[in-house]
C-alpha atoms as a PDB file:
ATOM      1  CA  MET A   1     -33.705 -88.515 -37.798  1.00  0.00           C
ATOM      2  CA  ALA A   2     -32.291 -87.625 -41.177  1.00  0.00           C
ATOM      3  CA  ALA A   3     -34.341 -86.445 -44.141  1.00  0.00           C
ATOM      4  CA  LEU A   4     -34.604 -89.063 -46.882  1.00  0.00           C
ATOM      5  CA  PRO A   5     -34.551 -87.909 -50.541  1.00  0.00           C
ATOM      6  CA  ILE A   6     -37.403 -89.085 -52.786  1.00  0.00           C
ATOM      7  CA  ASP A   7     -36.740 -89.666 -56.503  1.00  0.00           C
ATOM      8  CA  THR A   8     -39.744 -87.946 -58.109  1.00  0.00           C
ATOM      9  CA  ALA A   9     -38.715 -89.291 -61.552  1.00  0.00           C
ATOM     10  CA  LYS A  10     -40.057 -92.696 -60.418  1.00  0.00           C
ATOM     11  CA  PHE A  11     -43.642 -91.366 -60.217  1.00  0.00           C
ATOM     12  CA  THR A  12     -45.914 -91.712 -63.254  1.00  0.00           C
ATOM     13  CA  GLY A  13     -47.617 -88.453 -62.270  1.00  0.00           C
ATOM     14  CA  ILE A  14     -47.824 -85.808 -59.561  1.00  0.00           C
ATOM     15  CA  ILE A  15     -51.070 -83.828 -59.298  1.00  0.00           C
ATOM     16  CA  CYS A  16     -52.054 -80.988 -56.968  1.00  0.00           C
ATOM     17  CA  ALA A  17     -54.882 -82.419 -54.824  1.00  0.00           C
ATOM     18  CA  VAL A  18     -55.167 -79.512 -52.341  1.00  0.00           C
ATOM     19  CA  ALA A  19     -54.203 -75.954 -53.327  1.00  0.00           C
ATOM     20  CA  PRO A  20     -51.355 -74.211 -51.441  1.00  0.00           C
ATOM     21  CA  THR A  21     -52.231 -72.708 -48.051  1.00  0.00           C
ATOM     22  CA  PRO A  22     -49.936 -70.920 -45.587  1.00  0.00           C
ATOM     23  CA  ARG A  23     -48.904 -73.015 -42.567  1.00  0.00           C
ATOM     24  CA  VAL A  24     -49.976 -71.561 -39.217  1.00  0.00           C
ATOM     25  CA  ALA A  25     -47.502 -71.593 -36.306  1.00  0.00           C
ATOM     26  CA  ASN A  26     -49.871 -70.180 -33.662  1.00  0.00           C
ATOM     27  CA  ARG A  27     -53.635 -70.606 -34.113  1.00  0.00           C
ATOM     28  CA  GLU A  28     -54.435 -68.043 -31.390  1.00  0.00           C
ATOM     29  CA  THR A  29     -52.407 -65.213 -32.929  1.00  0.00           C
ATOM     30  CA  GLY A  30     -52.594 -66.330 -36.569  1.00  0.00           C
ATOM     31  CA  GLN A  31     -48.797 -66.187 -36.809  1.00  0.00           C
ATOM     32  CA  LEU A  32     -47.546 -68.050 -39.882  1.00  0.00           C
ATOM     33  CA  ARG A  33     -44.668 -70.544 -39.973  1.00  0.00           C
ATOM     34  CA  VAL A  34     -41.529 -69.339 -41.681  1.00  0.00           C
ATOM     35  CA  ASP A  35     -38.594 -71.207 -43.169  1.00  0.00           C
ATOM     36  CA  ARG A  36     -35.569 -70.960 -40.850  1.00  0.00           C
ATOM     37  CA  GLU A  37     -33.100 -70.644 -43.737  1.00  0.00           C
ATOM     38  CA  THR A  38     -34.910 -68.237 -46.090  1.00  0.00           C
ATOM     39  CA  GLY A  39     -37.382 -66.436 -43.812  1.00  0.00           C
ATOM     40  CA  GLN A  40     -40.140 -67.148 -46.373  1.00  0.00           C
ATOM     41  CA  THR A  41     -43.633 -68.212 -45.284  1.00  0.00           C
ATOM     42  CA  LEU A  42     -44.081 -72.001 -45.408  1.00  0.00           C
ATOM     43  CA  TYR A  43     -46.968 -73.280 -47.517  1.00  0.00           C
ATOM     44  CA  GLN A  44     -48.601 -76.700 -47.467  1.00  0.00           C
ATOM     45  CA  VAL A  45     -49.713 -78.384 -50.696  1.00  0.00           C
ATOM     46  CA  GLY A  46     -51.611 -81.675 -50.944  1.00  0.00           C
ATOM     47  CA  LEU A  47     -49.999 -83.731 -53.697  1.00  0.00           C
ATOM     48  CA  CYS A  48     -51.267 -86.937 -55.258  1.00  0.00           C
ATOM     49  CA  LEU A  49     -48.193 -89.065 -55.981  1.00  0.00           C
ATOM     50  CA  MET A  50     -48.973 -91.734 -58.598  1.00  0.00           C
ATOM     51  CA  ALA A  51     -46.854 -94.796 -59.377  1.00  0.00           C
ATOM     52  CA  GLY A  52     -48.252 -97.504 -61.634  1.00  0.00           C
ATOM     53  CA  THR A  53     -51.625 -98.570 -60.233  1.00  0.00           C
ATOM     54  CA  THR A  54     -51.237 -96.887 -56.817  1.00  0.00           C
ATOM     55  CA  ALA A  55     -51.616 -93.320 -55.605  1.00  0.00           C
ATOM     56  CA  GLU A  56     -51.076 -91.534 -52.275  1.00  0.00           C
ATOM     57  CA  VAL A  57     -52.013 -88.027 -51.226  1.00  0.00           C
ATOM     58  CA  VAL A  58     -49.389 -86.404 -48.994  1.00  0.00           C
ATOM     59  CA  ASN A  59     -49.082 -82.902 -47.551  1.00  0.00           C
ATOM     60  CA  VAL A  60     -45.833 -81.252 -48.610  1.00  0.00           C
ATOM     61  CA  SER A  61     -44.335 -78.108 -47.049  1.00  0.00           C
ATOM     62  CA  VAL A  62     -42.566 -75.663 -49.351  1.00  0.00           C
ATOM     63  CA  PRO A  63     -40.973 -72.250 -48.645  1.00  0.00           C
ATOM     64  CA  GLY A  64     -42.655 -69.390 -50.506  1.00  0.00           C
ATOM     65  CA  GLU A  65     -46.032 -69.407 -52.241  1.00  0.00           C
ATOM     66  CA  PRO A  66     -46.126 -71.869 -55.156  1.00  0.00           C
ATOM     67  CA  THR A  67     -47.664 -69.596 -57.803  1.00  0.00           C
ATOM     68  CA  GLY A  68     -49.841 -71.109 -60.514  1.00  0.00           C
ATOM     69  CA  VAL A  69     -50.381 -74.391 -58.625  1.00  0.00           C
ATOM     70  CA  GLN A  70     -54.087 -75.328 -58.774  1.00  0.00           C
ATOM     71  CA  ASN A  71     -56.275 -78.295 -57.798  1.00  0.00           C
ATOM     72  CA  GLY A  72     -56.203 -81.074 -60.388  1.00  0.00           C
ATOM     73  CA  ALA A  73     -53.188 -79.679 -62.245  1.00  0.00           C
ATOM     74  CA  PRO A  74     -49.984 -81.665 -62.842  1.00  0.00           C
ATOM     75  CA  VAL A  75     -46.957 -80.237 -61.032  1.00  0.00           C
ATOM     76  CA  GLN A  76     -43.182 -80.552 -60.877  1.00  0.00           C
ATOM     77  CA  VAL A  77     -41.539 -81.051 -57.489  1.00  0.00           C
ATOM     78  CA  ARG A  78     -37.879 -80.203 -56.850  1.00  0.00           C
ATOM     79  CA  ASP A  79     -35.868 -81.751 -53.997  1.00  0.00           C
ATOM     80  CA  LEU A  80     -38.604 -83.735 -52.244  1.00  0.00           C
ATOM     81  CA  TYR A  81     -37.598 -85.158 -48.839  1.00  0.00           C
ATOM     82  CA  ALA A  82     -39.373 -87.330 -46.269  1.00  0.00           C
ATOM     83  CA  THR A  83     -38.461 -86.955 -42.590  1.00  0.00           C
ATOM     84  CA  PRO A  84     -39.774 -89.426 -39.985  1.00  0.00           C
ATOM     85  CA  TRP A  85     -40.878 -87.735 -36.730  1.00  0.00           C
ATOM     86  CA  GLU A  86     -42.127 -88.671 -33.261  1.00  0.00           C
ATOM     87  CA  ASN A  87     -43.634 -86.393 -30.612  1.00  0.00           C
ATOM     88  CA  GLU A  88     -45.345 -87.430 -27.341  1.00  0.00           C
ATOM     89  CA  GLY A  89     -46.203 -90.909 -28.608  1.00  0.00           C
ATOM     90  CA  ARG A  90     -47.418 -89.697 -32.006  1.00  0.00           C
ATOM     91  CA  HIS A  91     -45.392 -90.333 -35.114  1.00  0.00           C
ATOM     92  CA  GLY A  92     -45.490 -89.822 -38.862  1.00  0.00           C
ATOM     93  CA  ILE A  93     -43.577 -88.626 -41.879  1.00  0.00           C
ATOM     94  CA  ALA A  94     -43.154 -84.969 -42.819  1.00  0.00           C
ATOM     95  CA  PHE A  95     -42.682 -84.146 -46.504  1.00  0.00           C
ATOM     96  CA  ARG A  96     -40.833 -81.069 -47.714  1.00  0.00           C
ATOM     97  CA  ALA A  97     -39.822 -79.762 -51.131  1.00  0.00           C
ATOM     98  CA  ALA A  98     -37.575 -76.943 -52.279  1.00  0.00           C
ATOM     99  CA  GLU A  99     -40.080 -75.959 -54.993  1.00  0.00           C
ATOM    100  CA  ILE A 100     -43.458 -76.954 -56.419  1.00  0.00           C
ATOM    101  CA  LYS A 101     -44.512 -75.480 -59.751  1.00  0.00           C
ATOM    102  CA  PRO A 102     -47.017 -76.243 -62.504  1.00  0.00           C
ATOM    103  CA  LEU A 103     -45.911 -78.444 -65.382  1.00  0.00           C
ATOM    104  CA  THR A 104     -45.329 -76.327 -68.466  1.00  0.00           C
ATOM    105  CA  ALA A 105     -48.404 -76.289 -70.688  1.00  0.00           C
ATOM    106  CA  PRO A 106     -47.887 -76.813 -74.426  1.00  0.00           C
ATOM    107  CA  SER A 107     -47.650 -73.534 -76.319  1.00  0.00           C
ATOM    108  CA  SER A 108     -50.633 -72.422 -78.408  1.00  0.00           C
ATOM    109  CA  SER A 109     -48.543 -72.472 -81.598  1.00  0.00           C
ATOM    110  CA  SER A 110     -47.678 -76.167 -81.198  1.00  0.00           C
ATOM    111  CA  SER A 111     -51.333 -77.080 -80.594  1.00  0.00           C
ATOM    112  CA  ALA A 112     -52.348 -75.005 -83.634  1.00  0.00           C
ATOM    113  CA  SER A 113     -49.857 -76.849 -85.843  1.00  0.00           C
ATOM    114  CA  ALA A 114     -51.153 -80.166 -84.457  1.00  0.00           C
ATOM    115  CA  ARG A 115     -54.703 -79.184 -85.494  1.00  0.00           C
ATOM    116  CA  LYS A 116     -53.453 -78.159 -88.930  1.00  0.00           C
ATOM    117  CA  GLY A 117     -51.809 -81.553 -89.365  1.00  0.00           C
ATOM    118  CA  ALA A 118     -55.080 -83.221 -88.360  1.00  0.00           C
ATOM    119  CA  GLY A 119     -56.785 -81.825 -91.457  1.00  0.00           C
ATOM    120  CA  GLU A 120     -58.111 -78.523 -90.111  1.00  0.00           C
END
């Protein structure tokens, strides 16, 4: 089945719910999964996708370690895809992104000027 693109602009927020962990290919040997195209280790990140009054937590695979992504922090997701799968009577949806990174925090100078304007 084909991967279906997800428009992340439609979400009111995306939060890291589970910090990035490497995906394991073989539990006995500890061998990690790697991306077929880039050769990078695949990581799994639990993301809380919020839209209006609903929220879902989904596990998303991403090639390479998403640096700076922490529990509870808002993140940006680039090229998110959902792929339906079925294997031996089990089925589900696999989520994959090209990149997951923290949202840019406001600079300290802009927050200082905001305090100054508030009568500090």
